[in-house]
Amino acid sequence: MTETAICIGSFTAVKTLWEVRIQKINEELRKEKEFRERSAGRLLLVWEEKATLAKLKEKVINEDGRAVLKIEEEEWKVLYIGQLTGLQELLLSYNRIKSVPKEISNCISLERLELGVNRNICDLPPQLSDLRKLSHIDLCMNQFTTIPSALLSMPNLEWLDMGGNQLQKLPDAIDRFVNFRDNPLELEITLPACENTEEEEQQEMFGIEFMHMYIQESLKKTGNVESCTSDASPIITANTEGT
């Protein structure tokens, strides 16, 4: 009996030892498999990034000594545009872009950015204010309701088209901005009280003529008089209290 008990005990100990060893081996194999999968995933990502960047560089053309990238009517995908630091013009109109990637702010040489007719863009990443050379931006036919704050911090911005958006208010400093056609903007002017009807009519006409001349002069600076004059009809509200 004693010898049988010893044999059974030894067998159990050996079995337990091997089970522990097998469990450790399986755990090491599992970790090695996960490591290989992660490594393969990273290699695939790097390969895809390089392949995409190579395709982007193929699209970059030289126009009068300027590096221009034009992508139109294509499905918006992950594009490593931020690595094209020498790019001067980026044309992304007529795509289905819903949001503007902040990586564009890495294109420090960018002077012209076109994002018109994408229909769904409603804001810009604040990082775009880092584009110190940017002077021309087209944001027409999107869903903006106000001027993005990033634009207000661009020192060289000279030309901005936001026609066909949903702009409802403008910032105080709009003298640099050019085109706001086809936006639901209204200009309200309240004139002081008049002592009699004739004076009131004269003052009202003066207000209308003044605003008409002001708007025309402002638009002449941008060359948009013909296209925008009919859209900027001021609403004159005369205060008749006390008459």
Protein backbone atom coordinates (compact mmCIF):
# COMPACT_ATOMS: atom_id res chain seq x y z
CA MET A 1 0.00 0.00 0.00
CA THR A 2 2.73 2.41 0.92
CA GLU A 3 4.62 1.85 -2.35
CA THR A 4 1.41 2.35 -4.38
CA ALA A 5 0.65 5.63 -2.58
CA ILE A 6 4.19 6.89 -3.26
CA CYS A 7 3.89 6.06 -6.98
CA ILE A 8 0.53 7.81 -7.29
CA GLY A 9 1.90 10.89 -5.49
CA SER A 10 4.95 11.05 -7.74
CA PHE A 11 2.83 10.70 -10.87
CA THR A 12 0.53 13.54 -9.75
CA ALA A 13 3.50 15.83 -9.05
CA VAL A 14 5.07 15.10 -12.46
CA LYS A 15 1.68 15.67 -14.19
CA THR A 16 1.23 19.01 -12.44
CA LEU A 17 4.75 20.10 -13.36
CA TRP A 18 4.21 19.30 -17.05
CA GLU A 19 0.83 21.05 -17.08
CA VAL A 20 2.47 24.19 -15.72
CA ARG A 21 5.22 23.97 -18.33
CA ILE A 22 2.71 23.46 -21.15
CA GLN A 23 0.67 26.42 -19.93
CA LYS A 24 3.76 28.65 -19.94
CA ILE A 25 4.72 27.49 -23.42
CA ASN A 26 1.20 28.23 -24.73
CA GLU A 27 1.31 31.69 -23.13
CA GLU A 28 4.68 32.43 -24.74
CA LEU A 29 3.38 31.25 -28.12
CA ARG A 30 0.31 33.48 -27.75
CA LYS A 31 2.44 36.53 -26.93
CA GLU A 32 4.78 35.80 -29.84
CA LYS A 33 1.80 35.55 -32.21
CA GLU A 34 0.38 38.87 -30.98
CA PHE A 35 3.80 40.51 -31.37
CA ARG A 36 4.11 39.25 -34.95
CA GLU A 37 0.60 40.46 -35.79
CA ARG A 38 1.32 43.91 -34.35
CA SER A 39 4.62 44.09 -36.21
CA ALA A 40 2.92 43.05 -39.44
CA GLY A 41 0.22 45.67 -38.86
CA ARG A 42 2.82 48.39 -38.31
CA LEU A 43 4.73 47.34 -41.41
CA LEU A 44 1.50 47.37 -43.43
CA LEU A 45 0.62 50.83 -42.12
CA VAL A 46 4.07 52.17 -42.99
CA TRP A 47 3.84 50.60 -46.44
CA GLU A 48 0.37 52.08 -47.04
CA GLU A 49 1.57 55.49 -45.86
CA LYS A 50 4.55 55.42 -48.20
CA ALA A 51 2.40 54.19 -51.08
CA THR A 52 -0.21 56.92 -50.49
CA LEU A 53 2.47 59.59 -50.19
CA ALA A 54 4.06 58.37 -53.42
CA LYS A 55 0.69 58.65 -55.20
CA LEU A 56 0.21 62.15 -53.80
CA LYS A 57 3.64 63.21 -55.02
CA GLU A 58 2.71 61.92 -58.49
CA LYS A 59 -0.28 64.30 -58.48
CA VAL A 60 1.85 67.31 -57.57
CA ILE A 61 2.42 69.37 -60.70
CA ASN A 62 4.58 72.39 -61.42
CA GLU A 63 2.73 75.47 -62.66
CA ASP A 64 4.93 78.48 -63.30
CA GLY A 65 7.43 77.27 -60.73
CA ARG A 66 4.75 76.59 -58.09
CA ALA A 67 4.08 73.16 -56.52
CA VAL A 68 0.35 72.47 -56.96
CA LEU A 69 -1.67 69.46 -55.74
CA LYS A 70 -5.16 69.12 -57.22
CA ILE A 71 -7.62 66.46 -56.06
CA GLU A 72 -11.17 66.78 -57.37
CA GLU A 73 -14.25 64.56 -57.50
CA GLU A 74 -12.56 61.79 -55.55
CA GLU A 75 -13.57 59.94 -52.42
CA TRP A 76 -11.85 61.60 -49.46
CA LYS A 77 -9.43 59.17 -47.84
CA VAL A 78 -6.56 59.42 -45.37
CA LEU A 79 -4.02 61.53 -47.21
CA TYR A 80 -0.63 62.32 -45.73
CA ILE A 81 -0.72 65.86 -47.07
CA GLY A 82 1.08 67.21 -44.00
CA GLN A 83 4.33 65.71 -45.28
CA LEU A 84 4.25 67.87 -48.41
CA THR A 85 5.88 70.83 -46.69
CA GLY A 86 6.92 72.46 -49.97
CA LEU A 87 3.37 72.52 -51.38
CA GLN A 88 2.18 76.00 -52.39
CA GLU A 89 -1.32 75.30 -53.73
CA LEU A 90 -3.77 72.67 -52.47
CA LEU A 91 -6.97 72.28 -54.51
CA LEU A 92 -9.56 70.02 -52.86
CA SER A 93 -12.79 71.38 -54.32
CA TYR A 94 -15.66 69.13 -55.47
CA ASN A 95 -14.86 66.28 -53.10
CA ARG A 96 -17.00 64.86 -50.32
CA ILE A 97 -14.87 66.25 -47.50
CA LYS A 98 -16.75 66.52 -44.20
CA SER A 99 -13.89 67.80 -42.04
CA VAL A 100 -10.57 69.43 -42.82
CA PRO A 101 -7.55 67.53 -41.41
CA LYS A 102 -5.36 69.54 -39.07
CA GLU A 103 -2.28 68.02 -40.78
CA ILE A 104 -2.68 70.63 -43.53
CA SER A 105 -1.17 73.10 -41.07
CA ASN A 106 2.17 71.32 -41.63
CA CYS A 107 2.21 72.57 -45.23
CA ILE A 108 4.08 75.68 -44.16
CA SER A 109 4.67 76.90 -47.74
CA LEU A 110 0.97 76.83 -48.63
CA GLU A 111 -0.31 80.04 -50.25
CA ARG A 112 -3.59 78.92 -51.83
CA LEU A 113 -6.21 76.54 -50.37
CA GLU A 114 -9.43 75.62 -52.19
CA LEU A 115 -12.14 73.64 -50.39
CA GLY A 116 -15.17 74.87 -52.31
CA VAL A 117 -18.27 72.83 -53.17
CA ASN A 118 -17.67 70.08 -50.65
CA ARG A 119 -21.14 70.82 -49.22
CA ASN A 120 -20.50 69.54 -45.68
CA ILE A 121 -17.58 71.50 -44.19
CA CYS A 122 -18.75 73.69 -41.30
CA ASP A 123 -15.50 74.58 -39.49
CA LEU A 124 -11.73 74.70 -39.82
CA PRO A 125 -9.16 73.35 -37.35
CA PRO A 126 -7.52 76.18 -35.37
CA GLN A 127 -4.09 74.82 -36.35
CA LEU A 128 -4.58 76.30 -39.84
CA SER A 129 -3.78 79.72 -38.37
CA ASP A 130 -0.15 78.55 -38.43
CA LEU A 131 -0.14 78.91 -42.23
CA ARG A 132 1.58 82.29 -42.27
CA LYS A 133 1.92 82.44 -46.07
CA LEU A 134 -1.67 81.55 -46.92
CA SER A 135 -3.30 84.41 -48.86
CA HIS A 136 -6.12 82.78 -50.88
CA ILE A 137 -8.90 80.54 -49.50
CA ASP A 138 -12.03 79.28 -51.25
CA LEU A 139 -14.70 77.89 -48.88
CA CYS A 140 -17.79 78.48 -51.04
CA MET A 141 -20.79 76.12 -51.10
CA ASN A 142 -20.34 74.53 -47.68
CA GLN A 143 -22.15 74.78 -44.33
CA PHE A 144 -20.36 77.58 -42.47
CA THR A 145 -22.57 79.74 -40.24
CA THR A 146 -19.79 82.13 -39.17
CA ILE A 147 -16.22 83.03 -40.09
CA PRO A 148 -13.87 80.36 -38.64
CA SER A 149 -11.57 81.75 -35.96
CA ALA A 150 -8.52 80.27 -37.73
CA LEU A 151 -9.02 82.72 -40.61
CA LEU A 152 -8.99 85.76 -38.34
CA SER A 153 -5.43 84.93 -37.23
CA MET A 154 -3.92 84.60 -40.72
CA PRO A 155 -1.68 87.66 -41.30
CA ASN A 156 -1.43 87.33 -45.10
CA LEU A 157 -5.02 86.39 -45.94
CA GLU A 158 -6.15 88.65 -48.80
CA TRP A 159 -8.81 86.68 -50.71
CA LEU A 160 -11.66 84.72 -49.11
CA ASP A 161 -14.73 83.29 -50.87
CA MET A 162 -17.51 82.06 -48.56
CA GLY A 163 -20.39 82.43 -50.99
CA GLY A 164 -23.20 79.89 -50.79
CA ASN A 165 -22.79 79.12 -47.09
CA GLN A 166 -25.14 79.81 -44.17
CA LEU A 167 -23.38 82.85 -42.73
CA GLN A 168 -25.58 84.65 -40.23
CA LYS A 169 -23.10 87.04 -38.66
CA LEU A 170 -19.74 88.59 -39.47
CA PRO A 171 -16.81 89.55 -37.25
CA ASP A 172 -16.09 93.20 -36.53
CA ALA A 173 -13.00 93.28 -38.79
CA ILE A 174 -14.35 92.27 -42.21
CA ASP A 175 -12.44 94.77 -44.33
CA ARG A 176 -10.01 92.10 -45.59
CA PHE A 177 -12.74 89.66 -46.55
CA VAL A 178 -14.03 89.62 -50.06
CA ASN A 179 -16.96 87.47 -51.13
CA PHE A 180 -20.03 86.66 -49.02
CA ARG A 181 -22.63 86.31 -51.78
CA ASP A 182 -25.63 83.98 -51.35
CA ASN A 183 -25.58 84.10 -47.55
CA PRO A 184 -28.60 84.99 -45.38
CA LEU A 185 -27.08 88.26 -44.14
CA GLU A 186 -29.14 91.32 -43.25
CA LEU A 187 -27.90 94.81 -42.50
CA GLU A 188 -30.03 96.77 -40.06
CA ILE A 189 -29.57 100.51 -39.61
CA THR A 190 -31.52 102.55 -37.08
CA LEU A 191 -31.73 106.30 -37.75
CA PRO A 192 -32.40 108.87 -35.02
CA ALA A 193 -35.85 110.40 -34.51
CA CYS A 194 -36.87 113.18 -36.92
CA GLU A 195 -38.80 116.33 -36.07
CA ASN A 196 -41.03 116.26 -39.17
CA THR A 197 -41.98 113.95 -42.02
CA GLU A 198 -40.00 115.80 -44.70
CA GLU A 199 -36.81 115.74 -42.65
CA GLU A 200 -37.41 112.09 -41.86
CA GLU A 201 -37.73 111.20 -45.56
CA GLN A 202 -34.58 113.15 -46.44
CA GLN A 203 -32.62 111.44 -43.67
CA GLU A 204 -33.90 108.05 -44.73
CA MET A 205 -32.90 108.65 -48.35
CA PHE A 206 -29.51 109.89 -47.21
CA GLY A 207 -29.04 106.67 -45.21
CA ILE A 208 -29.97 104.51 -48.20
CA GLU A 209 -27.67 106.39 -50.57
CA PHE A 210 -24.84 106.36 -48.06
CA MET A 211 -25.04 102.58 -47.52
CA HIS A 212 -25.36 101.96 -51.26
CA MET A 213 -22.20 103.97 -51.95
CA TYR A 214 -20.37 102.34 -49.01
CA ILE A 215 -21.16 98.82 -50.20
CA GLN A 216 -20.19 99.63 -53.79
CA GLU A 217 -16.88 101.16 -52.75
CA SER A 218 -16.12 98.15 -50.52
CA LEU A 219 -16.86 95.70 -53.29
CA LYS A 220 -14.90 97.64 -55.90
CA LYS A 221 -11.74 96.86 -53.94
CA THR A 222 -12.34 93.15 -54.56
CA GLY A 223 -13.61 93.31 -58.14
CA ASN A 224 -16.97 91.75 -57.18
CA VAL A 225 -19.31 94.71 -57.76
CA GLU A 226 -21.37 93.10 -60.50
CA SER A 227 -21.84 89.75 -58.74
CA CYS A 228 -22.49 90.99 -55.24
CA THR A 229 -24.30 94.35 -55.45
CA SER A 230 -27.73 92.76 -55.86
CA ASP A 231 -27.19 90.57 -52.79
CA ALA A 232 -26.36 93.34 -50.35
CA SER A 233 -29.68 95.15 -49.90
CA PRO A 234 -29.68 97.03 -46.59
CA ILE A 235 -32.76 97.09 -44.41
CA ILE A 236 -33.38 100.65 -43.21
CA THR A 237 -35.33 101.01 -39.99
CA ALA A 238 -36.34 104.57 -39.16
CA ASN A 239 -36.95 105.38 -35.52
CA THR A 240 -40.10 107.57 -35.46
CA GLU A 241 -40.48 107.83 -31.71
CA GLY A 242 -41.29 111.30 -30.53
CA THR A 243 -42.63 112.50 -33.92
